[in-house]
Amino acid sequence: MEETFAEVWLPHYVSYGETDAMGVVYYAEYIHFFERARGAMCREAGLGYGKIEEAGFMLPVREVECRYRSPAHYDDHVQIHARITEWRRASVRFRYEIYNEDRTKLLCEGMTLHAVVNREGRPVAVPEWIKEKLSGTKCDAEGD
């Protein structure tokens, strides 16, 4: 049986404040888009980040990659796709793609690798309840 992982599509209208002087999305904003989609995916699975922290766990970013393929501009309606691609003993990997409105043109892609640590910042095994909540959830989230 093939293992399934959580994924989400988050629609987003690019705001003026997310662009540079040329009206193009500022490069660092794409990382923020990744974070927004990741948070939406967790919330849709019933596992907002606050719940993870309340249980004594944190998911700091250990690595990030971002490849820019085509620019997005002010007021573009983009679709942000986020999904889990790998669970390790004490970490989880997310992949992201950002597309134009009708999902026909890839604008950006990337990944984040998150450690799973306790309140003292020490790596710990991924709790099974986190894996269970984030396995198999596929949805379209409410965007802006």
N, C-alpha and C. Protein backbone atom coordinates (compact mmCIF):
# COMPACT_ATOMS: atom_id res chain seq x y z
N MET A 1 0.84 -1.19 0.00
CA MET A 1 0.00 0.00 0.00
C MET A 1 0.88 1.25 0.00
N GLU A 2 0.63 2.17 -0.90
CA GLU A 2 1.41 3.39 -1.00
C GLU A 2 1.08 4.33 0.15
N GLU A 3 2.12 4.87 0.76
CA GLU A 3 1.94 5.80 1.87
C GLU A 3 1.47 7.15 1.32
N THR A 4 0.50 7.75 2.01
CA THR A 4 0.01 9.05 1.59
C THR A 4 0.38 10.09 2.64
N PHE A 5 0.62 11.29 2.18
CA PHE A 5 0.98 12.39 3.06
C PHE A 5 0.05 13.56 2.80
N ALA A 6 0.01 14.46 3.74
CA ALA A 6 -0.86 15.63 3.65
C ALA A 6 -0.45 16.53 2.51
N GLU A 7 -1.45 17.24 1.94
CA GLU A 7 -1.18 18.28 0.95
C GLU A 7 -2.31 19.28 0.97
N VAL A 8 -2.03 20.47 0.45
CA VAL A 8 -3.04 21.53 0.41
C VAL A 8 -2.76 22.44 -0.79
N TRP A 9 -3.81 23.04 -1.32
CA TRP A 9 -3.72 24.13 -2.30
C TRP A 9 -4.26 25.37 -1.61
N LEU A 10 -3.46 26.43 -1.59
CA LEU A 10 -3.84 27.68 -0.95
C LEU A 10 -3.85 28.80 -1.99
N PRO A 11 -5.03 29.37 -2.29
CA PRO A 11 -5.06 30.50 -3.22
C PRO A 11 -4.60 31.78 -2.51
N HIS A 12 -3.95 32.67 -3.28
CA HIS A 12 -3.44 33.89 -2.67
C HIS A 12 -3.35 35.00 -3.71
N TYR A 13 -3.84 36.18 -3.36
CA TYR A 13 -3.66 37.37 -4.20
C TYR A 13 -2.42 38.10 -3.71
N VAL A 14 -1.50 38.38 -4.60
CA VAL A 14 -0.26 39.07 -4.24
C VAL A 14 -0.59 40.51 -3.88
N SER A 15 -0.18 40.93 -2.68
CA SER A 15 -0.42 42.30 -2.23
C SER A 15 0.73 43.21 -2.67
N TYR A 16 0.46 44.50 -2.67
CA TYR A 16 1.48 45.48 -3.06
C TYR A 16 2.71 45.37 -2.17
N GLY A 17 2.49 45.16 -0.88
CA GLY A 17 3.59 45.07 0.07
C GLY A 17 4.47 43.84 -0.10
N GLU A 18 4.04 42.88 -0.91
CA GLU A 18 4.83 41.67 -1.15
C GLU A 18 5.71 41.81 -2.41
N THR A 19 5.66 43.00 -3.01
CA THR A 19 6.42 43.21 -4.25
C THR A 19 7.56 44.20 -4.04
N ASP A 20 8.49 44.17 -5.00
CA ASP A 20 9.61 45.11 -4.96
C ASP A 20 9.27 46.34 -5.82
N ALA A 21 10.24 47.19 -6.04
CA ALA A 21 10.01 48.42 -6.79
C ALA A 21 9.59 48.18 -8.24
N MET A 22 9.83 46.96 -8.74
CA MET A 22 9.46 46.63 -10.12
C MET A 22 8.08 45.97 -10.21
N GLY A 23 7.40 45.84 -9.05
CA GLY A 23 6.09 45.21 -9.03
C GLY A 23 6.13 43.70 -9.08
N VAL A 24 7.31 43.13 -8.89
CA VAL A 24 7.52 41.68 -8.89
C VAL A 24 7.57 41.21 -7.43
N VAL A 25 7.04 40.02 -7.16
CA VAL A 25 7.09 39.50 -5.79
C VAL A 25 8.55 39.46 -5.34
N TYR A 26 8.81 40.08 -4.20
CA TYR A 26 10.14 40.11 -3.59
C TYR A 26 10.56 38.69 -3.28
N TYR A 27 11.80 38.34 -3.57
CA TYR A 27 12.25 36.95 -3.50
C TYR A 27 12.00 36.27 -2.16
N ALA A 28 12.17 36.98 -1.05
CA ALA A 28 11.99 36.37 0.27
C ALA A 28 10.52 36.09 0.59
N GLU A 29 9.61 36.76 -0.09
CA GLU A 29 8.18 36.53 0.16
C GLU A 29 7.77 35.11 -0.21
N TYR A 30 8.45 34.49 -1.16
CA TYR A 30 8.09 33.13 -1.54
C TYR A 30 8.24 32.17 -0.35
N ILE A 31 9.25 32.41 0.48
CA ILE A 31 9.44 31.58 1.68
C ILE A 31 8.25 31.78 2.61
N HIS A 32 7.77 33.02 2.71
CA HIS A 32 6.59 33.31 3.51
C HIS A 32 5.36 32.60 2.92
N PHE A 33 5.23 32.58 1.59
CA PHE A 33 4.13 31.86 0.95
C PHE A 33 4.19 30.37 1.33
N PHE A 34 5.40 29.81 1.34
CA PHE A 34 5.56 28.41 1.74
C PHE A 34 5.01 28.21 3.15
N GLU A 35 5.39 29.10 4.05
CA GLU A 35 4.97 29.00 5.45
C GLU A 35 3.45 29.09 5.58
N ARG A 36 2.84 30.00 4.84
CA ARG A 36 1.38 30.15 4.91
C ARG A 36 0.68 28.88 4.46
N ALA A 37 1.17 28.28 3.38
CA ALA A 37 0.55 27.05 2.89
C ALA A 37 0.77 25.90 3.86
N ARG A 38 1.95 25.82 4.43
CA ARG A 38 2.25 24.77 5.41
C ARG A 38 1.32 24.91 6.62
N GLY A 39 1.14 26.14 7.10
CA GLY A 39 0.24 26.38 8.22
C GLY A 39 -1.20 26.03 7.89
N ALA A 40 -1.64 26.37 6.67
CA ALA A 40 -3.00 26.03 6.25
C ALA A 40 -3.18 24.52 6.20
N MET A 41 -2.18 23.82 5.72
CA MET A 41 -2.26 22.36 5.66
C MET A 41 -2.40 21.76 7.06
N CYS A 42 -1.61 22.23 7.98
CA CYS A 42 -1.69 21.73 9.36
C CYS A 42 -3.06 22.04 9.98
N ARG A 43 -3.55 23.26 9.76
CA ARG A 43 -4.87 23.62 10.31
C ARG A 43 -5.97 22.76 9.71
N GLU A 44 -5.92 22.53 8.40
CA GLU A 44 -6.93 21.70 7.74
C GLU A 44 -6.91 20.27 8.28
N ALA A 45 -5.75 19.82 8.73
CA ALA A 45 -5.62 18.48 9.30
C ALA A 45 -6.01 18.46 10.78
N GLY A 46 -6.43 19.63 11.31
CA GLY A 46 -6.80 19.71 12.73
C GLY A 46 -5.60 19.79 13.65
N LEU A 47 -4.48 20.26 13.12
CA LEU A 47 -3.25 20.27 13.89
C LEU A 47 -2.51 21.59 13.70
N GLY A 48 -3.13 22.67 14.14
CA GLY A 48 -2.46 23.95 14.05
C GLY A 48 -1.15 23.92 14.81
N TYR A 49 -0.21 24.77 14.39
CA TYR A 49 1.11 24.77 15.01
C TYR A 49 1.04 25.01 16.51
N GLY A 50 0.07 25.81 16.95
CA GLY A 50 -0.09 26.06 18.38
C GLY A 50 -0.33 24.79 19.17
N LYS A 51 -1.09 23.86 18.59
CA LYS A 51 -1.35 22.57 19.27
C LYS A 51 -0.06 21.76 19.41
N ILE A 52 0.78 21.83 18.39
CA ILE A 52 2.05 21.10 18.44
C ILE A 52 2.92 21.68 19.56
N GLU A 53 2.99 23.01 19.63
CA GLU A 53 3.79 23.66 20.68
C GLU A 53 3.22 23.38 22.07
N GLU A 54 1.89 23.43 22.20
CA GLU A 54 1.27 23.14 23.51
C GLU A 54 1.63 21.75 24.00
N ALA A 55 1.82 20.81 23.07
CA ALA A 55 2.19 19.44 23.43
C ALA A 55 3.69 19.30 23.72
N GLY A 56 4.44 20.41 23.58
CA GLY A 56 5.85 20.39 23.93
C GLY A 56 6.81 20.14 22.78
N PHE A 57 6.33 20.31 21.55
CA PHE A 57 7.18 20.08 20.38
C PHE A 57 7.27 21.33 19.53
N MET A 58 8.39 21.48 18.83
CA MET A 58 8.57 22.57 17.89
C MET A 58 9.16 22.00 16.61
N LEU A 59 8.93 22.71 15.50
CA LEU A 59 9.40 22.25 14.20
C LEU A 59 10.26 23.33 13.52
N PRO A 60 11.45 23.61 14.05
CA PRO A 60 12.28 24.64 13.44
C PRO A 60 12.76 24.22 12.05
N VAL A 61 12.91 25.21 11.18
CA VAL A 61 13.41 24.94 9.84
C VAL A 61 14.92 24.69 9.92
N ARG A 62 15.35 23.57 9.35
CA ARG A 62 16.78 23.23 9.28
C ARG A 62 17.37 23.57 7.93
N GLU A 63 16.53 23.51 6.91
CA GLU A 63 16.99 23.75 5.54
C GLU A 63 15.85 24.35 4.74
N VAL A 64 16.19 25.20 3.78
CA VAL A 64 15.19 25.73 2.86
C VAL A 64 15.81 25.84 1.48
N GLU A 65 15.01 25.53 0.48
CA GLU A 65 15.42 25.70 -0.92
C GLU A 65 14.29 26.42 -1.64
N CYS A 66 14.67 27.27 -2.59
CA CYS A 66 13.67 27.97 -3.37
C CYS A 66 14.23 28.22 -4.76
N ARG A 67 13.52 27.74 -5.76
CA ARG A 67 13.93 27.95 -7.15
C ARG A 67 12.87 28.78 -7.85
N TYR A 68 13.29 29.92 -8.34
CA TYR A 68 12.38 30.85 -9.00
C TYR A 68 12.36 30.53 -10.50
N ARG A 69 11.17 30.33 -11.03
CA ARG A 69 11.03 29.96 -12.44
C ARG A 69 10.44 31.08 -13.30
N SER A 70 9.46 31.78 -12.76
CA SER A 70 8.81 32.86 -13.49
C SER A 70 8.23 33.82 -12.46
N PRO A 71 8.33 35.12 -12.68
CA PRO A 71 7.90 36.06 -11.64
C PRO A 71 6.38 36.15 -11.48
N ALA A 72 5.98 36.38 -10.25
CA ALA A 72 4.60 36.75 -9.95
C ALA A 72 4.61 38.25 -9.69
N HIS A 73 3.48 38.90 -9.94
CA HIS A 73 3.39 40.35 -9.85
C HIS A 73 2.26 40.77 -8.92
N TYR A 74 2.27 42.06 -8.60
CA TYR A 74 1.21 42.64 -7.79
C TYR A 74 -0.17 42.26 -8.34
N ASP A 75 -1.04 41.83 -7.45
CA ASP A 75 -2.44 41.47 -7.71
C ASP A 75 -2.62 40.18 -8.51
N ASP A 76 -1.54 39.46 -8.79
CA ASP A 76 -1.70 38.13 -9.40
C ASP A 76 -2.40 37.22 -8.41
N HIS A 77 -3.22 36.35 -8.93
CA HIS A 77 -3.86 35.32 -8.11
C HIS A 77 -3.04 34.05 -8.31
N VAL A 78 -2.32 33.64 -7.28
CA VAL A 78 -1.45 32.46 -7.37
C VAL A 78 -2.04 31.32 -6.56
N GLN A 79 -1.61 30.12 -6.89
CA GLN A 79 -2.02 28.92 -6.19
C GLN A 79 -0.77 28.29 -5.57
N ILE A 80 -0.79 28.14 -4.26
CA ILE A 80 0.37 27.60 -3.54
C ILE A 80 0.06 26.17 -3.14
N HIS A 81 0.87 25.25 -3.61
CA HIS A 81 0.69 23.83 -3.30
C HIS A 81 1.77 23.42 -2.30
N ALA A 82 1.34 22.83 -1.20
CA ALA A 82 2.28 22.35 -0.18
C ALA A 82 1.94 20.89 0.13
N ARG A 83 2.98 20.11 0.34
CA ARG A 83 2.75 18.72 0.70
C ARG A 83 3.94 18.18 1.48
N ILE A 84 3.67 17.17 2.26
CA ILE A 84 4.74 16.45 2.96
C ILE A 84 5.26 15.40 2.00
N THR A 85 6.58 15.30 1.90
CA THR A 85 7.16 14.29 1.01
C THR A 85 7.98 13.25 1.74
N GLU A 86 8.33 13.54 3.00
CA GLU A 86 9.17 12.58 3.70
C GLU A 86 9.08 12.77 5.21
N TRP A 87 8.95 11.66 5.89
CA TRP A 87 9.09 11.62 7.35
C TRP A 87 10.40 10.92 7.65
N ARG A 88 11.21 11.52 8.48
CA ARG A 88 12.41 10.87 9.01
C ARG A 88 12.17 10.62 10.49
N ARG A 89 13.14 10.05 11.15
CA ARG A 89 12.96 9.74 12.57
C ARG A 89 12.65 10.99 13.38
N ALA A 90 13.39 12.08 13.14
CA ALA A 90 13.21 13.29 13.94
C ALA A 90 13.05 14.53 13.05
N SER A 91 12.48 14.34 11.85
CA SER A 91 12.28 15.49 10.97
C SER A 91 11.20 15.19 9.94
N VAL A 92 10.77 16.25 9.26
CA VAL A 92 9.75 16.14 8.22
C VAL A 92 10.12 17.10 7.09
N ARG A 93 9.91 16.64 5.84
CA ARG A 93 10.22 17.45 4.66
C ARG A 93 8.92 17.85 3.96
N PHE A 94 8.83 19.15 3.64
CA PHE A 94 7.70 19.70 2.88
C PHE A 94 8.21 20.15 1.52
N ARG A 95 7.38 19.96 0.49
CA ARG A 95 7.66 20.47 -0.86
C ARG A 95 6.59 21.49 -1.21
N TYR A 96 6.98 22.47 -2.02
CA TYR A 96 6.06 23.54 -2.40
C TYR A 96 6.19 23.83 -3.89
N GLU A 97 5.07 24.15 -4.50
CA GLU A 97 5.05 24.71 -5.85
C GLU A 97 4.08 25.87 -5.83
N ILE A 98 4.45 26.92 -6.50
CA ILE A 98 3.56 28.07 -6.65
C ILE A 98 3.27 28.22 -8.14
N TYR A 99 1.99 28.24 -8.45
CA TYR A 99 1.53 28.30 -9.84
C TYR A 99 0.72 29.58 -10.07
N ASN A 100 0.50 29.86 -11.34
CA ASN A 100 -0.42 30.92 -11.70
C ASN A 100 -1.85 30.48 -11.33
N GLU A 101 -2.81 31.35 -11.57
CA GLU A 101 -4.19 31.12 -11.11
C GLU A 101 -4.78 29.80 -11.59
N ASP A 102 -4.58 29.43 -12.84
CA ASP A 102 -5.19 28.19 -13.35
C ASP A 102 -4.25 26.98 -13.26
N ARG A 103 -3.16 27.15 -12.54
CA ARG A 103 -2.22 26.07 -12.26
C ARG A 103 -1.56 25.50 -13.52
N THR A 104 -1.37 26.33 -14.53
CA THR A 104 -0.75 25.87 -15.77
C THR A 104 0.71 26.30 -15.90
N LYS A 105 1.15 27.25 -15.07
CA LYS A 105 2.51 27.74 -15.17
C LYS A 105 3.16 27.73 -13.79
N LEU A 106 4.25 26.98 -13.68
CA LEU A 106 5.01 26.91 -12.43
C LEU A 106 5.83 28.18 -12.27
N LEU A 107 5.61 28.89 -11.15
CA LEU A 107 6.32 30.14 -10.88
C LEU A 107 7.52 29.93 -9.97
N CYS A 108 7.38 29.00 -9.05
CA CYS A 108 8.40 28.82 -8.02
C CYS A 108 8.23 27.44 -7.40
N GLU A 109 9.32 26.84 -6.96
CA GLU A 109 9.24 25.57 -6.24
C GLU A 109 10.31 25.55 -5.17
N GLY A 110 10.08 24.75 -4.15
CA GLY A 110 11.05 24.68 -3.08
C GLY A 110 10.72 23.63 -2.05
N MET A 111 11.49 23.63 -0.99
CA MET A 111 11.28 22.68 0.09
C MET A 111 11.78 23.28 1.40
N THR A 112 11.21 22.75 2.49
CA THR A 112 11.74 23.03 3.82
C THR A 112 11.89 21.71 4.55
N LEU A 113 12.95 21.58 5.30
CA LEU A 113 13.18 20.42 6.15
C LEU A 113 13.12 20.93 7.58
N HIS A 114 12.25 20.31 8.39
CA HIS A 114 12.03 20.74 9.77
C HIS A 114 12.48 19.67 10.74
N ALA A 115 13.27 20.07 11.72
CA ALA A 115 13.60 19.18 12.82
C ALA A 115 12.39 19.09 13.74
N VAL A 116 12.28 18.04 14.49
CA VAL A 116 11.28 17.93 15.55
C VAL A 116 12.08 17.95 16.85
N VAL A 117 11.82 18.99 17.68
CA VAL A 117 12.57 19.15 18.92
C VAL A 117 11.62 19.33 20.10
N ASN A 118 12.14 19.06 21.30
CA ASN A 118 11.35 19.30 22.51
C ASN A 118 11.55 20.74 22.96
N ARG A 119 10.97 21.10 24.09
CA ARG A 119 11.05 22.48 24.58
C ARG A 119 12.48 22.94 24.86
N GLU A 120 13.34 21.98 25.14
CA GLU A 120 14.75 22.31 25.40
C GLU A 120 15.55 22.43 24.10
N GLY A 121 14.91 22.19 22.96
CA GLY A 121 15.59 22.29 21.68
C GLY A 121 16.34 21.04 21.26
N ARG A 122 16.10 19.94 21.97
CA ARG A 122 16.77 18.69 21.63
C ARG A 122 15.93 17.89 20.62
N PRO A 123 16.58 17.30 19.62
CA PRO A 123 15.83 16.48 18.65
C PRO A 123 15.14 15.30 19.33
N VAL A 124 13.91 15.05 18.88
CA VAL A 124 13.13 13.92 19.39
C VAL A 124 12.46 13.23 18.21
N ALA A 125 12.08 11.98 18.41
CA ALA A 125 11.36 11.25 17.37
C ALA A 125 10.03 11.93 17.10
N VAL A 126 9.62 11.92 15.83
CA VAL A 126 8.33 12.51 15.46
C VAL A 126 7.23 11.72 16.17
N PRO A 127 6.39 12.38 16.97
CA PRO A 127 5.30 11.67 17.63
C PRO A 127 4.33 11.07 16.60
N GLU A 128 3.87 9.87 16.85
CA GLU A 128 2.97 9.18 15.92
C GLU A 128 1.69 9.97 15.69
N TRP A 129 1.18 10.68 16.71
CA TRP A 129 -0.07 11.41 16.54
C TRP A 129 0.09 12.56 15.53
N ILE A 130 1.29 13.12 15.43
CA ILE A 130 1.54 14.15 14.43
C ILE A 130 1.52 13.52 13.04
N LYS A 131 2.22 12.40 12.88
CA LYS A 131 2.23 11.69 11.60
C LYS A 131 0.82 11.29 11.17
N GLU A 132 0.05 10.77 12.11
CA GLU A 132 -1.32 10.33 11.80
C GLU A 132 -2.17 11.49 11.31
N LYS A 133 -2.09 12.63 12.00
CA LYS A 133 -2.89 13.79 11.61
C LYS A 133 -2.50 14.31 10.23
N LEU A 134 -1.22 14.22 9.91
CA LEU A 134 -0.74 14.79 8.66
C LEU A 134 -0.56 13.76 7.54
N SER A 135 -1.17 12.63 7.69
CA SER A 135 -1.10 11.62 6.63
C SER A 135 -2.43 11.54 5.91
N GLY A 136 -2.37 11.71 4.62
CA GLY A 136 -3.56 11.52 3.79
C GLY A 136 -4.52 12.70 3.68
N THR A 137 -4.24 13.81 4.32
CA THR A 137 -5.11 14.98 4.23
C THR A 137 -4.85 15.68 2.90
N LYS A 138 -5.88 15.81 2.07
CA LYS A 138 -5.76 16.53 0.79
C LYS A 138 -6.91 17.52 0.73
N CYS A 139 -6.59 18.79 0.50
CA CYS A 139 -7.66 19.77 0.54
C CYS A 139 -7.27 21.06 -0.20
N ASP A 140 -8.29 21.83 -0.46
CA ASP A 140 -8.13 23.19 -0.95
C ASP A 140 -8.45 24.09 0.23
N ALA A 141 -7.54 24.94 0.61
CA ALA A 141 -7.73 25.81 1.75
C ALA A 141 -8.33 27.14 1.31
N GLU A 142 -8.88 27.84 2.27
CA GLU A 142 -9.40 29.18 2.01
C GLU A 142 -8.22 30.14 1.97
N GLY A 143 -8.12 30.89 0.94
CA GLY A 143 -7.01 31.85 0.83
C GLY A 143 -7.54 33.27 0.88
N ASP A 144 -6.72 34.17 0.39
CA ASP A 144 -7.14 35.56 0.35
C ASP A 144 -7.05 36.10 -1.07
